[in-house]
Amino acid sequence: MPELLAHKGDVNAQKLGVETLLASLGHQASGALTLFNYPLWMRKLVAENVDGTPRADLVDMPSLESKSLRTNWN
């Protein structure tokens, strides 16, 4: 899955084709996205600038979700 993220994800997705990508959505169970139930690659996402260059800091999706949930409940 990490190979389908960011700029290189666009390139790889085009190689696979829309039909293949849409078909895979119907065949793979997503599971519940709850804290501590994220795949490891979602804990170390590399954010990119608009020009496709990587940013220095990694993104931890579960942490962002946790902060978002706390912010929305206040």
N, C-alpha and C. Protein backbone atom coordinates (compact mmCIF):
# COMPACT_ATOMS: atom_id res chain seq x y z
N MET A 1 0.79 -1.20 0.00
CA MET A 1 0.00 0.00 0.00
C MET A 1 0.84 1.27 0.00
N PRO A 2 1.97 1.33 0.69
CA PRO A 2 2.75 2.57 0.66
C PRO A 2 3.16 2.99 -0.75
N GLU A 3 3.28 2.03 -1.66
CA GLU A 3 3.68 2.38 -3.02
C GLU A 3 2.57 3.09 -3.79
N LEU A 4 1.38 3.24 -3.19
CA LEU A 4 0.29 3.97 -3.83
C LEU A 4 0.03 5.32 -3.16
N LEU A 5 0.98 5.82 -2.40
CA LEU A 5 0.83 7.10 -1.72
C LEU A 5 1.67 8.18 -2.38
N ALA A 6 1.19 9.40 -2.28
CA ALA A 6 1.91 10.60 -2.72
C ALA A 6 2.21 10.58 -4.21
N HIS A 7 3.28 11.27 -4.60
CA HIS A 7 3.59 11.43 -6.04
C HIS A 7 3.88 10.10 -6.71
N LYS A 8 4.69 9.26 -6.07
CA LYS A 8 5.00 7.97 -6.69
C LYS A 8 3.75 7.09 -6.75
N GLY A 9 2.79 7.36 -5.87
CA GLY A 9 1.52 6.63 -5.91
C GLY A 9 0.75 6.91 -7.17
N ASP A 10 0.78 8.15 -7.64
CA ASP A 10 0.12 8.49 -8.90
C ASP A 10 0.69 7.67 -10.05
N VAL A 11 2.00 7.62 -10.11
CA VAL A 11 2.68 6.89 -11.18
C VAL A 11 2.33 5.40 -11.11
N ASN A 12 2.41 4.82 -9.91
CA ASN A 12 2.11 3.40 -9.75
C ASN A 12 0.64 3.09 -10.00
N ALA A 13 -0.25 3.97 -9.58
CA ALA A 13 -1.68 3.77 -9.81
C ALA A 13 -1.99 3.79 -11.30
N GLN A 14 -1.35 4.66 -12.04
CA GLN A 14 -1.56 4.72 -13.49
C GLN A 14 -1.08 3.45 -14.16
N LYS A 15 0.01 2.86 -13.65
CA LYS A 15 0.50 1.60 -14.20
C LYS A 15 -0.50 0.47 -13.97
N LEU A 16 -1.14 0.46 -12.79
CA LEU A 16 -2.11 -0.59 -12.47
C LEU A 16 -3.39 -0.43 -13.26
N GLY A 17 -3.83 0.79 -13.44
CA GLY A 17 -5.06 1.04 -14.18
C GLY A 17 -6.26 1.18 -13.24
N VAL A 18 -7.23 1.97 -13.68
CA VAL A 18 -8.41 2.26 -12.87
C VAL A 18 -9.22 1.00 -12.59
N GLU A 19 -9.37 0.15 -13.59
CA GLU A 19 -10.18 -1.06 -13.42
C GLU A 19 -9.63 -1.96 -12.31
N THR A 20 -8.33 -2.13 -12.29
CA THR A 20 -7.69 -2.96 -11.26
C THR A 20 -7.86 -2.35 -9.88
N LEU A 21 -7.65 -1.04 -9.78
CA LEU A 21 -7.77 -0.37 -8.47
C LEU A 21 -9.19 -0.43 -7.95
N LEU A 22 -10.18 -0.18 -8.79
CA LEU A 22 -11.57 -0.23 -8.35
C LEU A 22 -11.98 -1.64 -7.97
N ALA A 23 -11.52 -2.63 -8.71
CA ALA A 23 -11.85 -4.02 -8.39
C ALA A 23 -11.28 -4.41 -7.03
N SER A 24 -10.07 -3.93 -6.71
CA SER A 24 -9.45 -4.29 -5.43
C SER A 24 -10.22 -3.69 -4.25
N LEU A 25 -10.89 -2.56 -4.46
CA LEU A 25 -11.67 -1.95 -3.37
C LEU A 25 -12.82 -2.85 -2.95
N GLY A 26 -13.37 -3.60 -3.88
CA GLY A 26 -14.50 -4.47 -3.57
C GLY A 26 -14.11 -5.80 -2.98
N HIS A 27 -12.83 -6.14 -3.02
CA HIS A 27 -12.39 -7.47 -2.57
C HIS A 27 -11.62 -7.47 -1.27
N GLN A 28 -11.21 -6.32 -0.78
CA GLN A 28 -10.39 -6.28 0.42
C GLN A 28 -11.16 -5.65 1.56
N ALA A 29 -11.27 -6.38 2.65
CA ALA A 29 -11.95 -5.84 3.84
C ALA A 29 -11.05 -4.79 4.49
N SER A 30 -11.63 -3.69 4.87
CA SER A 30 -10.83 -2.61 5.43
C SER A 30 -10.56 -2.78 6.92
N GLY A 31 -11.48 -3.38 7.65
CA GLY A 31 -11.30 -3.47 9.09
C GLY A 31 -11.62 -2.14 9.75
N ALA A 32 -11.70 -2.13 11.05
CA ALA A 32 -12.01 -0.90 11.78
C ALA A 32 -10.74 -0.09 11.95
N LEU A 33 -10.78 1.17 11.55
CA LEU A 33 -9.63 2.04 11.74
C LEU A 33 -9.76 2.70 13.10
N THR A 34 -9.25 2.04 14.10
CA THR A 34 -9.26 2.57 15.47
C THR A 34 -7.82 2.70 15.93
N LEU A 35 -7.62 3.41 16.99
CA LEU A 35 -6.28 3.57 17.52
C LEU A 35 -5.67 2.19 17.80
N PHE A 36 -4.44 2.00 17.45
CA PHE A 36 -3.69 0.75 17.58
C PHE A 36 -4.15 -0.31 16.58
N ASN A 37 -5.03 0.07 15.63
CA ASN A 37 -5.43 -0.88 14.60
C ASN A 37 -5.04 -0.34 13.22
N TYR A 38 -4.06 0.53 13.18
CA TYR A 38 -3.56 1.06 11.92
C TYR A 38 -2.40 0.20 11.44
N PRO A 39 -2.28 0.01 10.14
CA PRO A 39 -1.08 -0.68 9.65
C PRO A 39 0.16 0.17 9.93
N LEU A 40 1.30 -0.47 10.04
CA LEU A 40 2.53 0.25 10.38
C LEU A 40 2.87 1.33 9.37
N TRP A 41 2.55 1.11 8.09
CA TRP A 41 2.92 2.13 7.10
C TRP A 41 2.13 3.42 7.30
N MET A 42 0.98 3.36 8.00
CA MET A 42 0.22 4.58 8.27
C MET A 42 0.77 5.33 9.50
N ARG A 43 1.70 4.72 10.20
CA ARG A 43 2.32 5.37 11.35
C ARG A 43 3.58 6.14 10.94
N LYS A 44 4.04 5.93 9.71
CA LYS A 44 5.28 6.57 9.26
C LYS A 44 5.10 7.14 7.85
N LEU A 45 4.04 7.89 7.64
CA LEU A 45 3.80 8.47 6.32
C LEU A 45 4.76 9.63 6.07
N VAL A 46 5.24 9.70 4.86
CA VAL A 46 6.11 10.81 4.46
C VAL A 46 5.24 11.85 3.77
N ALA A 47 5.11 13.00 4.40
CA ALA A 47 4.34 14.09 3.79
C ALA A 47 5.16 14.71 2.67
N GLU A 48 4.46 15.19 1.65
CA GLU A 48 5.14 15.82 0.53
C GLU A 48 4.68 17.24 0.33
N ASN A 49 5.58 18.06 -0.17
CA ASN A 49 5.23 19.42 -0.59
C ASN A 49 4.48 19.35 -1.92
N VAL A 50 3.95 20.45 -2.36
CA VAL A 50 3.20 20.51 -3.61
C VAL A 50 4.07 20.07 -4.79
N ASP A 51 5.36 20.36 -4.74
CA ASP A 51 6.25 20.00 -5.85
C ASP A 51 6.73 18.55 -5.79
N GLY A 52 6.27 17.78 -4.80
CA GLY A 52 6.63 16.36 -4.71
C GLY A 52 7.85 16.07 -3.87
N THR A 53 8.50 17.08 -3.33
CA THR A 53 9.65 16.84 -2.47
C THR A 53 9.17 16.44 -1.07
N PRO A 54 9.86 15.50 -0.44
CA PRO A 54 9.42 15.05 0.88
C PRO A 54 9.68 16.09 1.96
N ARG A 55 8.80 16.13 2.95
CA ARG A 55 9.02 17.01 4.10
C ARG A 55 9.86 16.26 5.13
N ALA A 56 10.44 17.00 6.04
CA ALA A 56 11.39 16.40 6.99
C ALA A 56 10.71 15.49 8.02
N ASP A 57 9.53 15.86 8.49
CA ASP A 57 8.87 15.11 9.56
C ASP A 57 7.90 14.07 9.02
N LEU A 58 7.86 12.91 9.68
CA LEU A 58 6.91 11.87 9.32
C LEU A 58 5.54 12.18 9.93
N VAL A 59 4.49 11.61 9.35
CA VAL A 59 3.13 11.81 9.84
C VAL A 59 2.64 10.50 10.46
N ASP A 60 2.09 10.57 11.65
CA ASP A 60 1.53 9.41 12.35
C ASP A 60 0.01 9.57 12.35
N MET A 61 -0.68 8.86 11.45
CA MET A 61 -2.13 9.02 11.29
C MET A 61 -2.93 8.75 12.57
N PRO A 62 -2.63 7.69 13.36
CA PRO A 62 -3.40 7.47 14.59
C PRO A 62 -3.30 8.64 15.55
N SER A 63 -2.14 9.27 15.63
CA SER A 63 -1.99 10.42 16.52
C SER A 63 -2.84 11.58 16.05
N LEU A 64 -2.87 11.80 14.74
CA LEU A 64 -3.70 12.88 14.20
C LEU A 64 -5.17 12.63 14.46
N GLU A 65 -5.60 11.37 14.29
CA GLU A 65 -6.99 11.04 14.53
C GLU A 65 -7.35 11.25 15.99
N SER A 66 -6.48 10.82 16.87
CA SER A 66 -6.72 10.98 18.29
C SER A 66 -6.86 12.45 18.66
N LYS A 67 -5.96 13.28 18.13
CA LYS A 67 -6.02 14.72 18.39
C LYS A 67 -7.29 15.32 17.80
N SER A 68 -7.67 14.88 16.62
CA SER A 68 -8.88 15.38 15.97
C SER A 68 -10.12 15.03 16.79
N LEU A 69 -10.17 13.82 17.30
CA LEU A 69 -11.32 13.41 18.10
C LEU A 69 -11.43 14.23 19.38
N ARG A 70 -10.28 14.47 20.02
CA ARG A 70 -10.29 15.28 21.25
C ARG A 70 -10.72 16.71 20.95
N THR A 71 -10.26 17.25 19.82
CA THR A 71 -10.58 18.63 19.45
C THR A 71 -12.06 18.78 19.17
N ASN A 72 -12.66 17.82 18.49
CA ASN A 72 -14.07 17.88 18.13
C ASN A 72 -15.00 17.74 19.32
N TRP A 73 -14.54 17.09 20.37
CA TRP A 73 -15.41 16.86 21.53
C TRP A 73 -15.36 18.01 22.53
N ASN A 74 -14.42 18.92 22.37
CA ASN A 74 -14.31 20.05 23.33
C ASN A 74 -15.23 21.19 22.95
